PDB file of all heavy atoms in Angstrom:
ATOM      1  N   ILE A   1     127.723 144.062  84.340  1.00  0.00           N
ATOM      2  CA  ILE A   1     128.414 143.280  83.311  1.00  0.00           C
ATOM      3  C   ILE A   1     129.452 142.400  84.035  1.00  0.00           C
ATOM      4  O   ILE A   1     130.355 142.925  84.660  1.00  0.00           O
ATOM      5  CB  ILE A   1     129.137 144.196  82.320  1.00  0.00           C
ATOM      6  CG1 ILE A   1     128.126 145.112  81.607  1.00  0.00           C
ATOM      7  CG2 ILE A   1     129.907 143.379  81.277  1.00  0.00           C
ATOM      8  CD1 ILE A   1     128.781 146.192  80.736  1.00  0.00           C
ATOM      9  N   ARG A   2     129.285 141.082  83.916  1.00  0.00           N
ATOM     10  CA  ARG A   2     130.204 140.183  84.571  1.00  0.00           C
ATOM     11  C   ARG A   2     131.206 139.613  83.559  1.00  0.00           C
ATOM     12  O   ARG A   2     130.808 139.091  82.515  1.00  0.00           O
ATOM     13  CB  ARG A   2     129.445 139.024  85.254  1.00  0.00           C
ATOM     14  CG  ARG A   2     128.511 139.478  86.336  1.00  0.00           C
ATOM     15  CD  ARG A   2     127.816 138.308  87.007  1.00  0.00           C
ATOM     16  NE  ARG A   2     126.742 138.753  87.882  1.00  0.00           N
ATOM     17  CZ  ARG A   2     125.926 137.932  88.542  1.00  0.00           C
ATOM     18  NH1 ARG A   2     126.067 136.626  88.406  1.00  0.00           N
ATOM     19  NH2 ARG A   2     124.964 138.426  89.300  1.00  0.00           N
ATOM     20  N   ILE A   3     132.473 139.743  83.873  1.00  0.00           N
ATOM     21  CA  ILE A   3     133.536 139.241  82.997  1.00  0.00           C
ATOM     22  C   ILE A   3     134.098 137.982  83.649  1.00  0.00           C
ATOM     23  O   ILE A   3     134.667 138.033  84.720  1.00  0.00           O
ATOM     24  CB  ILE A   3     134.643 140.270  82.809  1.00  0.00           C
ATOM     25  CG1 ILE A   3     134.084 141.582  82.216  1.00  0.00           C
ATOM     26  CG2 ILE A   3     135.769 139.712  81.955  1.00  0.00           C
ATOM     27  CD1 ILE A   3     133.503 141.386  80.842  1.00  0.00           C
ATOM     28  N   PHE A   4     133.938 136.846  82.997  1.00  0.00           N
ATOM     29  CA  PHE A   4     134.418 135.561  83.492  1.00  0.00           C
ATOM     30  C   PHE A   4     135.575 135.060  82.636  1.00  0.00           C
ATOM     31  O   PHE A   4     135.446 134.875  81.415  1.00  0.00           O
ATOM     32  CB  PHE A   4     133.262 134.553  83.431  1.00  0.00           C
ATOM     33  CG  PHE A   4     133.565 133.195  84.012  1.00  0.00           C
ATOM     34  CD1 PHE A   4     133.056 132.804  85.234  1.00  0.00           C
ATOM     35  CD2 PHE A   4     134.302 132.291  83.274  1.00  0.00           C
ATOM     36  CE1 PHE A   4     133.327 131.534  85.734  1.00  0.00           C
ATOM     37  CE2 PHE A   4     134.586 131.043  83.788  1.00  0.00           C
ATOM     38  CZ  PHE A   4     134.082 130.624  85.012  1.00  0.00           C
ATOM     39  N   SER A   5     136.722 134.900  83.258  1.00  0.00           N
ATOM     40  CA  SER A   5     137.889 134.388  82.533  1.00  0.00           C
ATOM     41  C   SER A   5     138.939 133.893  83.519  1.00  0.00           C
ATOM     42  O   SER A   5     138.825 134.089  84.717  1.00  0.00           O
ATOM     43  CB  SER A   5     138.509 135.479  81.623  1.00  0.00           C
ATOM     44  OG  SER A   5     139.278 136.382  82.373  1.00  0.00           O
ATOM     45  N   ARG A   6     140.018 133.278  82.991  1.00  0.00           N
ATOM     46  CA  ARG A   6     141.086 132.751  83.830  1.00  0.00           C
ATOM     47  C   ARG A   6     142.259 133.733  83.922  1.00  0.00           C
ATOM     48  O   ARG A   6     143.189 133.497  84.693  1.00  0.00           O
ATOM     49  CB  ARG A   6     141.594 131.416  83.297  1.00  0.00           C
ATOM     50  CG  ARG A   6     140.586 130.314  83.344  1.00  0.00           C
ATOM     51  CD  ARG A   6     141.153 129.013  82.802  1.00  0.00           C
ATOM     52  NE  ARG A   6     141.426 129.084  81.375  1.00  0.00           N
ATOM     53  CZ  ARG A   6     141.989 128.106  80.696  1.00  0.00           C
ATOM     54  NH1 ARG A   6     142.358 127.021  81.283  1.00  0.00           N
ATOM     55  NH2 ARG A   6     142.169 128.232  79.390  1.00  0.00           N
ATOM     56  N   ASP A   7     142.233 134.787  83.177  1.00  0.00           N
ATOM     57  CA  ASP A   7     143.409 135.656  83.033  1.00  0.00           C
ATOM     58  C   ASP A   7     143.312 136.848  83.990  1.00  0.00           C
ATOM     59  O   ASP A   7     142.663 137.863  83.688  1.00  0.00           O
ATOM     60  CB  ASP A   7     143.554 136.128  81.583  1.00  0.00           C
ATOM     61  CG  ASP A   7     144.928 136.672  81.285  1.00  0.00           C
ATOM     62  OD1 ASP A   7     145.482 137.398  82.121  1.00  0.00           O
ATOM     63  OD2 ASP A   7     145.455 136.374  80.175  1.00  0.00           O
ATOM     64  N   GLU A   8     143.971 136.749  85.134  1.00  0.00           N
ATOM     65  CA  GLU A   8     143.919 137.836  86.120  1.00  0.00           C
ATOM     66  C   GLU A   8     144.572 139.104  85.603  1.00  0.00           C
ATOM     67  O   GLU A   8     144.096 140.238  85.886  1.00  0.00           O
ATOM     68  CB  GLU A   8     144.616 137.371  87.419  1.00  0.00           C
ATOM     69  CG  GLU A   8     143.931 136.266  88.160  1.00  0.00           C
ATOM     70  CD  GLU A   8     144.599 135.957  89.478  1.00  0.00           C
ATOM     71  OE1 GLU A   8     144.730 136.874  90.296  1.00  0.00           O
ATOM     72  OE2 GLU A   8     144.959 134.790  89.685  1.00  0.00           O
ATOM     73  N   LYS A   9     145.647 138.986  84.831  1.00  0.00           N
ATOM     74  CA  LYS A   9     146.358 140.175  84.316  1.00  0.00           C
ATOM     75  C   LYS A   9     145.460 140.935  83.366  1.00  0.00           C
ATOM     76  O   LYS A   9     145.325 142.177  83.477  1.00  0.00           O
ATOM     77  CB  LYS A   9     147.615 139.725  83.583  1.00  0.00           C
ATOM     78  CG  LYS A   9     148.348 140.864  82.876  1.00  0.00           C
ATOM     79  CD  LYS A   9     148.853 141.920  83.849  1.00  0.00           C
ATOM     80  CE  LYS A   9     149.820 142.891  83.165  1.00  0.00           C
ATOM     81  NZ  LYS A   9     149.295 143.603  81.995  1.00  0.00           N
ATOM     82  N   LYS A  10     144.765 140.234  82.460  1.00  0.00           N
ATOM     83  CA  LYS A  10     143.889 140.926  81.548  1.00  0.00           C
ATOM     84  C   LYS A  10     142.680 141.571  82.242  1.00  0.00           C
ATOM     85  O   LYS A  10     142.205 142.624  81.880  1.00  0.00           O
ATOM     86  CB  LYS A  10     143.443 139.986  80.414  1.00  0.00           C
ATOM     87  CG  LYS A  10     144.537 139.636  79.441  1.00  0.00           C
ATOM     88  CD  LYS A  10     144.028 138.750  78.318  1.00  0.00           C
ATOM     89  CE  LYS A  10     145.122 138.454  77.310  1.00  0.00           C
ATOM     90  NZ  LYS A  10     144.638 137.571  76.218  1.00  0.00           N
ATOM     91  N   GLN A  11     142.194 140.852  83.285  1.00  0.00           N
ATOM     92  CA  GLN A  11     141.095 141.440  84.084  1.00  0.00           C
ATOM     93  C   GLN A  11     141.547 142.712  84.736  1.00  0.00           C
ATOM     94  O   GLN A  11     140.827 143.703  84.777  1.00  0.00           O
ATOM     95  CB  GLN A  11     140.593 140.409  85.086  1.00  0.00           C
ATOM     96  CG  GLN A  11     139.787 139.274  84.494  1.00  0.00           C
ATOM     97  CD  GLN A  11     139.017 138.509  85.544  1.00  0.00           C
ATOM     98  OE1 GLN A  11     138.934 138.916  86.686  1.00  0.00           O
ATOM     99  NE2 GLN A  11     138.413 137.384  85.136  1.00  0.00           N
ATOM    100  N   HIS A  12     142.762 142.696  85.275  1.00  0.00           N
ATOM    101  CA  HIS A  12     143.321 143.903  85.922  1.00  0.00           C
ATOM    102  C   HIS A  12     143.417 145.045  84.930  1.00  0.00           C
ATOM    103  O   HIS A  12     143.050 146.171  85.229  1.00  0.00           O
ATOM    104  CB  HIS A  12     144.697 143.560  86.533  1.00  0.00           C
ATOM    105  CG  HIS A  12     145.358 144.729  87.116  1.00  0.00           C
ATOM    106  ND1 HIS A  12     144.947 145.366  88.306  1.00  0.00           N
ATOM    107  CD2 HIS A  12     146.468 145.463  86.699  1.00  0.00           C
ATOM    108  CE1 HIS A  12     145.751 146.363  88.558  1.00  0.00           C
ATOM    109  NE2 HIS A  12     146.674 146.434  87.616  1.00  0.00           N
ATOM    110  N   ASP A  13     143.903 144.719  83.726  1.00  0.00           N
ATOM    111  CA  ASP A  13     144.050 145.758  82.695  1.00  0.00           C
ATOM    112  C   ASP A  13     142.676 146.358  82.316  1.00  0.00           C
ATOM    113  O   ASP A  13     142.558 147.576  82.120  1.00  0.00           O
ATOM    114  CB  ASP A  13     144.735 145.195  81.464  1.00  0.00           C
ATOM    115  CG  ASP A  13     146.170 144.793  81.710  1.00  0.00           C
ATOM    116  OD1 ASP A  13     146.746 145.294  82.716  1.00  0.00           O
ATOM    117  OD2 ASP A  13     146.744 144.040  80.911  1.00  0.00           O
ATOM    118  N   LEU A  14     141.672 145.500  82.212  1.00  0.00           N
ATOM    119  CA  LEU A  14     140.317 145.981  81.870  1.00  0.00           C
ATOM    120  C   LEU A  14     139.741 146.821  83.002  1.00  0.00           C
ATOM    121  O   LEU A  14     139.065 147.810  82.763  1.00  0.00           O
ATOM    122  CB  LEU A  14     139.394 144.817  81.556  1.00  0.00           C
ATOM    123  CG  LEU A  14     139.657 144.088  80.226  1.00  0.00           C
ATOM    124  CD1 LEU A  14     138.659 142.896  80.094  1.00  0.00           C
ATOM    125  CD2 LEU A  14     139.445 145.030  79.033  1.00  0.00           C
ATOM    126  N   ARG A  15     140.016 146.416  84.222  1.00  0.00           N
ATOM    127  CA  ARG A  15     139.539 147.146  85.391  1.00  0.00           C
ATOM    128  C   ARG A  15     140.088 148.574  85.389  1.00  0.00           C
ATOM    129  O   ARG A  15     139.364 149.550  85.653  1.00  0.00           O
ATOM    130  CB  ARG A  15     139.940 146.433  86.672  1.00  0.00           C
ATOM    131  CG  ARG A  15     139.314 147.029  87.930  1.00  0.00           C
ATOM    132  CD  ARG A  15     139.724 146.255  89.168  1.00  0.00           C
ATOM    133  NE  ARG A  15     139.080 144.933  89.244  1.00  0.00           N
ATOM    134  CZ  ARG A  15     139.702 143.801  89.081  1.00  0.00           C
ATOM    135  NH1 ARG A  15     141.039 143.781  88.820  1.00  0.00           N
ATOM    136  NH2 ARG A  15     139.070 142.640  89.153  1.00  0.00           N
ATOM    137  N   ILE A  16     141.345 148.691  85.054  1.00  0.00           N
ATOM    138  CA  ILE A  16     141.987 150.027  84.959  1.00  0.00           C
ATOM    139  C   ILE A  16     141.466 150.798  83.751  1.00  0.00           C
ATOM    140  O   ILE A  16     141.177 152.004  83.840  1.00  0.00           O
ATOM    141  CB  ILE A  16     143.519 149.889  84.890  1.00  0.00           C
ATOM    142  CG1 ILE A  16     144.075 149.339  86.212  1.00  0.00           C
ATOM    143  CG2 ILE A  16     144.166 151.240  84.586  1.00  0.00           C
ATOM    144  CD1 ILE A  16     145.546 149.053  86.202  1.00  0.00           C
ATOM    145  N   LYS A  17     141.311 150.098  82.608  1.00  0.00           N
ATOM    146  CA  LYS A  17     140.903 150.779  81.383  1.00  0.00           C
ATOM    147  C   LYS A  17     139.539 151.394  81.531  1.00  0.00           C
ATOM    148  O   LYS A  17     139.301 152.550  81.106  1.00  0.00           O
ATOM    149  CB  LYS A  17     140.922 149.748  80.212  1.00  0.00           C
ATOM    150  CG  LYS A  17     140.406 150.313  78.884  1.00  0.00           C
ATOM    151  CD  LYS A  17     140.424 149.253  77.799  1.00  0.00           C
ATOM    152  CE  LYS A  17     139.839 149.812  76.507  1.00  0.00           C
ATOM    153  NZ  LYS A  17     139.851 148.747  75.436  1.00  0.00           N
ATOM    154  N   TYR A  18     138.566 150.640  82.072  1.00  0.00           N
ATOM    155  CA  TYR A  18     137.185 151.121  82.089  1.00  0.00           C
ATOM    156  C   TYR A  18     136.825 151.846  83.398  1.00  0.00           C
ATOM    157  O   TYR A  18     135.994 152.768  83.396  1.00  0.00           O
ATOM    158  CB  TYR A  18     136.219 149.959  81.849  1.00  0.00           C
ATOM    159  CG  TYR A  18     136.258 149.463  80.458  1.00  0.00           C
ATOM    160  CD1 TYR A  18     136.892 148.259  80.118  1.00  0.00           C
ATOM    161  CD2 TYR A  18     135.671 150.162  79.391  1.00  0.00           C
ATOM    162  CE1 TYR A  18     136.923 147.788  78.807  1.00  0.00           C
ATOM    163  CE2 TYR A  18     135.697 149.734  78.082  1.00  0.00           C
ATOM    164  CZ  TYR A  18     136.324 148.525  77.808  1.00  0.00           C
ATOM    165  OH  TYR A  18     136.357 148.081  76.493  1.00  0.00           O
ATOM    166  N   ASN A  19     137.413 151.425  84.503  1.00  0.00           N
ATOM    167  CA  ASN A  19     137.128 152.049  85.811  1.00  0.00           C
ATOM    168  C   ASN A  19     135.652 152.277  85.982  1.00  0.00           C
ATOM    169  O   ASN A  19     135.164 153.394  86.240  1.00  0.00           O
ATOM    170  CB  ASN A  19     137.906 153.400  85.895  1.00  0.00           C
ATOM    171  CG  ASN A  19     137.825 153.983  87.298  1.00  0.00           C
ATOM    172  OD1 ASN A  19     137.718 153.242  88.312  1.00  0.00           O
ATOM    173  ND2 ASN A  19     137.891 155.306  87.414  1.00  0.00           N
ATOM    174  N   ASN A  20     134.885 151.192  85.810  1.00  0.00           N
ATOM    175  CA  ASN A  20     133.419 151.276  85.813  1.00  0.00           C
ATOM    176  C   ASN A  20     132.881 150.313  86.863  1.00  0.00           C
ATOM    177  O   ASN A  20     133.137 149.096  86.811  1.00  0.00           O
ATOM    178  CB  ASN A  20     132.892 150.962  84.434  1.00  0.00           C
ATOM    179  CG  ASN A  20     131.434 151.274  84.279  1.00  0.00           C
ATOM    180  OD1 ASN A  20     130.608 150.870  85.108  1.00  0.00           O
ATOM    181  ND2 ASN A  20     131.063 151.956  83.200  1.00  0.00           N
ATOM    182  N   LYS A  21     132.107 150.827  87.805  1.00  0.00           N
ATOM    183  CA  LYS A  21     131.631 150.006  88.907  1.00  0.00           C
ATOM    184  C   LYS A  21     130.642 148.928  88.491  1.00  0.00           C
ATOM    185  O   LYS A  21     130.450 147.939  89.243  1.00  0.00           O
ATOM    186  CB  LYS A  21     130.968 150.906  89.947  1.00  0.00           C
ATOM    187  CG  LYS A  21     131.960 151.827  90.680  1.00  0.00           C
ATOM    188  CD  LYS A  21     131.265 152.638  91.756  1.00  0.00           C
ATOM    189  CE  LYS A  21     132.246 153.557  92.474  1.00  0.00           C
ATOM    190  NZ  LYS A  21     131.577 154.359  93.521  1.00  0.00           N
ATOM    191  N   LYS A  22     130.029 149.070  87.339  1.00  0.00           N
ATOM    192  CA  LYS A  22     129.065 148.058  86.961  1.00  0.00           C
ATOM    193  C   LYS A  22     129.719 146.833  86.299  1.00  0.00           C
ATOM    194  O   LYS A  22     129.071 145.842  86.049  1.00  0.00           O
ATOM    195  CB  LYS A  22     128.004 148.636  86.030  1.00  0.00           C
ATOM    196  CG  LYS A  22     128.433 148.991  84.628  1.00  0.00           C
ATOM    197  CD  LYS A  22     127.219 149.545  83.851  1.00  0.00           C
ATOM    198  CE  LYS A  22     127.611 149.945  82.439  1.00  0.00           C
ATOM    199  NZ  LYS A  22     126.447 150.469  81.688  1.00  0.00           N
ATOM    200  N   ILE A  23     131.059 146.899  86.049  1.00  0.00           N
ATOM    201  CA  ILE A  23     131.769 145.732  85.544  1.00  0.00           C
ATOM    202  C   ILE A  23     132.329 144.944  86.719  1.00  0.00           C
ATOM    203  O   ILE A  23     133.092 145.462  87.507  1.00  0.00           O
ATOM    204  CB  ILE A  23     132.936 146.179  84.590  1.00  0.00           C
ATOM    205  CG1 ILE A  23     132.414 147.014  83.445  1.00  0.00           C
ATOM    206  CG2 ILE A  23     133.648 144.943  84.066  1.00  0.00           C
ATOM    207  CD1 ILE A  23     133.510 147.487  82.509  1.00  0.00           C
ATOM    208  N   LYS A  24     131.929 143.701  86.811  1.00  0.00           N
ATOM    209  CA  LYS A  24     132.411 142.800  87.866  1.00  0.00           C
ATOM    210  C   LYS A  24     133.263 141.726  87.228  1.00  0.00           C
ATOM    211  O   LYS A  24     132.957 141.196  86.163  1.00  0.00           O
ATOM    212  CB  LYS A  24     131.229 142.156  88.592  1.00  0.00           C
ATOM    213  CG  LYS A  24     130.143 143.122  89.072  1.00  0.00           C
ATOM    214  CD  LYS A  24     130.711 144.115  90.113  1.00  0.00           C
ATOM    215  CE  LYS A  24     129.622 145.026  90.583  1.00  0.00           C
ATOM    216  NZ  LYS A  24     130.138 146.076  91.551  1.00  0.00           N
ATOM    217  N   PHE A  25     134.370 141.364  87.896  1.00  0.00           N
ATOM    218  CA  PHE A  25     135.292 140.397  87.351  1.00  0.00           C
ATOM    219  C   PHE A  25     135.299 139.099  88.158  1.00  0.00           C
ATOM    220  O   PHE A  25     135.329 139.134  89.365  1.00  0.00           O
ATOM    221  CB  PHE A  25     136.718 141.006  87.328  1.00  0.00           C
ATOM    222  CG  PHE A  25     136.850 142.157  86.391  1.00  0.00           C
ATOM    223  CD1 PHE A  25     136.645 143.474  86.848  1.00  0.00           C
ATOM    224  CD2 PHE A  25     137.138 141.976  85.049  1.00  0.00           C
ATOM    225  CE1 PHE A  25     136.757 144.538  85.987  1.00  0.00           C
ATOM    226  CE2 PHE A  25     137.256 143.047  84.170  1.00  0.00           C
ATOM    227  CZ  PHE A  25     137.082 144.334  84.639  1.00  0.00           C
ATOM    228  N   ILE A  26     135.245 137.985  87.443  1.00  0.00           N
ATOM    229  CA  ILE A  26     135.194 136.659  88.057  1.00  0.00           C
ATOM    230  C   ILE A  26     136.309 135.801  87.493  1.00  0.00           C
ATOM    231  O   ILE A  26     136.409 135.625  86.266  1.00  0.00           O
ATOM    232  CB  ILE A  26     133.847 135.945  87.790  1.00  0.00           C
ATOM    233  CG1 ILE A  26     132.667 136.819  88.288  1.00  0.00           C
ATOM    234  CG2 ILE A  26     133.806 134.584  88.439  1.00  0.00           C
ATOM    235  CD1 ILE A  26     131.286 136.314  87.842  1.00  0.00           C
ATOM    236  N   ILE A  27     137.184 135.291  88.360  1.00  0.00           N
ATOM    237  CA  ILE A  27     138.234 134.354  87.942  1.00  0.00           C
ATOM    238  C   ILE A  27     137.632 132.975  87.957  1.00  0.00           C
ATOM    239  O   ILE A  27     137.101 132.496  88.975  1.00  0.00           O
ATOM    240  CB  ILE A  27     139.444 134.435  88.868  1.00  0.00           C
ATOM    241  CG1 ILE A  27     140.067 135.837  88.839  1.00  0.00           C
ATOM    242  CG2 ILE A  27     140.455 133.354  88.516  1.00  0.00           C
ATOM    243  CD1 ILE A  27     140.717 136.155  87.529  1.00  0.00           C
ATOM    244  N   GLY A  28     137.713 132.284  86.815  1.00  0.00           N
ATOM    245  CA  GLY A  28     137.163 130.927  86.773  1.00  0.00           C
ATOM    246  C   GLY A  28     137.513 130.240  85.450  1.00  0.00           C
ATOM    247  O   GLY A  28     138.006 130.859  84.502  1.00  0.00           O
ATOM    248  N   ASP A  29     137.208 128.970  85.408  1.00  0.00           N
ATOM    249  CA  ASP A  29     137.484 128.100  84.248  1.00  0.00           C
ATOM    250  C   ASP A  29     136.137 127.668  83.697  1.00  0.00           C
ATOM    251  O   ASP A  29     135.329 127.094  84.422  1.00  0.00           O
ATOM    252  CB  ASP A  29     138.340 126.925  84.649  1.00  0.00           C
ATOM    253  CG  ASP A  29     138.890 126.151  83.431  1.00  0.00           C
ATOM    254  OD1 ASP A  29     138.106 125.958  82.472  1.00  0.00           O
ATOM    255  OD2 ASP A  29     140.044 125.727  83.474  1.00  0.00           O
ATOM    256  N   ILE A  30     135.912 127.837  82.398  1.00  0.00           N
ATOM    257  CA  ILE A  30     134.685 127.463  81.760  1.00  0.00           C
ATOM    258  C   ILE A  30     134.359 125.997  81.895  1.00  0.00           C
ATOM    259  O   ILE A  30     133.229 125.550  81.808  1.00  0.00           O
ATOM    260  CB  ILE A  30     134.669 127.906  80.253  1.00  0.00           C
ATOM    261  CG1 ILE A  30     133.295 127.726  79.632  1.00  0.00           C
ATOM    262  CG2 ILE A  30     135.703 127.133  79.484  1.00  0.00           C
ATOM    263  CD1 ILE A  30     132.266 128.635  80.146  1.00  0.00           C
ATOM    264  N   ARG A  31     135.428 125.172  82.119  1.00  0.00           N
ATOM    265  CA  ARG A  31     135.205 123.725  82.232  1.00  0.00           C
ATOM    266  C   ARG A  31     134.881 123.289  83.660  1.00  0.00           C
ATOM    267  O   ARG A  31     134.659 122.115  83.898  1.00  0.00           O
ATOM    268  CB  ARG A  31     136.460 123.014  81.760  1.00  0.00           C
ATOM    269  CG  ARG A  31     136.716 123.205  80.280  1.00  0.00           C
ATOM    270  CD  ARG A  31     138.121 122.809  79.889  1.00  0.00           C
ATOM    271  NE  ARG A  31     139.132 123.660  80.538  1.00  0.00           N
ATOM    272  CZ  ARG A  31     140.443 123.553  80.375  1.00  0.00           C
ATOM    273  NH1 ARG A  31     140.917 122.587  79.574  1.00  0.00           N
ATOM    274  NH2 ARG A  31     141.275 124.359  80.998  1.00  0.00           N
ATOM    275  N   ASP A  32     134.840 124.227  84.616  1.00  0.00           N
ATOM    276  CA  ASP A  32     134.556 123.928  86.013  1.00  0.00           C
ATOM    277  C   ASP A  32     133.105 124.218  86.280  1.00  0.00           C
ATOM    278  O   ASP A  32     132.686 125.404  86.343  1.00  0.00           O
ATOM    279  CB  ASP A  32     135.473 124.743  86.913  1.00  0.00           C
ATOM    280  CG  ASP A  32     135.199 124.490  88.393  1.00  0.00           C
ATOM    281  OD1 ASP A  32     135.236 123.339  88.822  1.00  0.00           O
ATOM    282  OD2 ASP A  32     134.903 125.479  89.123  1.00  0.00           O
ATOM    283  N   MET A  33     132.285 123.162  86.462  1.00  0.00           N
ATOM    284  CA  MET A  33     130.844 123.363  86.572  1.00  0.00           C
ATOM    285  C   MET A  33     130.431 124.283  87.752  1.00  0.00           C
ATOM    286  O   MET A  33     129.595 125.137  87.566  1.00  0.00           O
ATOM    287  CB  MET A  33     130.143 121.994  86.688  1.00  0.00           C
ATOM    288  CG  MET A  33     128.615 122.123  86.644  1.00  0.00           C
ATOM    289  SD  MET A  33     127.797 120.534  86.697  1.00  0.00           S
ATOM    290  CE  MET A  33     128.390 119.826  85.159  1.00  0.00           C
ATOM    291  N   PRO A  34     130.958 124.080  88.937  1.00  0.00           N
ATOM    292  CA  PRO A  34     130.549 124.990  90.033  1.00  0.00           C
ATOM    293  C   PRO A  34     130.793 126.468  89.741  1.00  0.00           C
ATOM    294  O   PRO A  34     129.991 127.305  90.072  1.00  0.00           O
ATOM    295  CB  PRO A  34     131.396 124.485  91.235  1.00  0.00           C
ATOM    296  CG  PRO A  34     131.664 123.031  90.915  1.00  0.00           C
ATOM    297  CD  PRO A  34     131.846 123.019  89.432  1.00  0.00           C
ATOM    298  N   SER A  35     131.938 126.731  89.101  1.00  0.00           N
ATOM    299  CA  SER A  35     132.248 128.130  88.766  1.00  0.00           C
ATOM    300  C   SER A  35     131.278 128.700  87.767  1.00  0.00           C
ATOM    301  O   SER A  35     130.808 129.840  87.868  1.00  0.00           O
ATOM    302  CB  SER A  35     133.669 128.230  88.177  1.00  0.00           C
ATOM    303  OG  SER A  35     134.660 127.879  89.105  1.00  0.00           O
ATOM    304  N   VAL A  36     130.921 127.863  86.762  1.00  0.00           N
ATOM    305  CA  VAL A  36     129.966 128.320  85.752  1.00  0.00           C
ATOM    306  C   VAL A  36     128.611 128.572  86.376  1.00  0.00           C
ATOM    307  O   VAL A  36     127.982 129.625  86.130  1.00  0.00           O
ATOM    308  CB  VAL A  36     129.870 127.255  84.622  1.00  0.00           C
ATOM    309  CG1 VAL A  36     128.718 127.590  83.683  1.00  0.00           C
ATOM    310  CG2 VAL A  36     131.177 127.223  83.832  1.00  0.00           C
ATOM    311  N   ILE A  37     128.139 127.648  87.174  1.00  0.00           N
ATOM    312  CA  ILE A  37     126.803 127.777  87.772  1.00  0.00           C
ATOM    313  C   ILE A  37     126.740 128.961  88.699  1.00  0.00           C
ATOM    314  O   ILE A  37     125.781 129.744  88.695  1.00  0.00           O
ATOM    315  CB  ILE A  37     126.403 126.459  88.484  1.00  0.00           C
ATOM    316  CG1 ILE A  37     126.190 125.346  87.440  1.00  0.00           C
ATOM    317  CG2 ILE A  37     125.138 126.673  89.304  1.00  0.00           C
ATOM    318  CD1 ILE A  37     125.897 123.985  88.043  1.00  0.00           C
TER     319      ILE A  37
END
């Protein structure tokens, strides 16, 4: 499960909440084409 968002704090909170290796976090902006692709 890949989580794509710009909010590092919320990603950190979710990482602690779920503590699940199959969740991967990606910092990016939906308007940035290279990040999306």
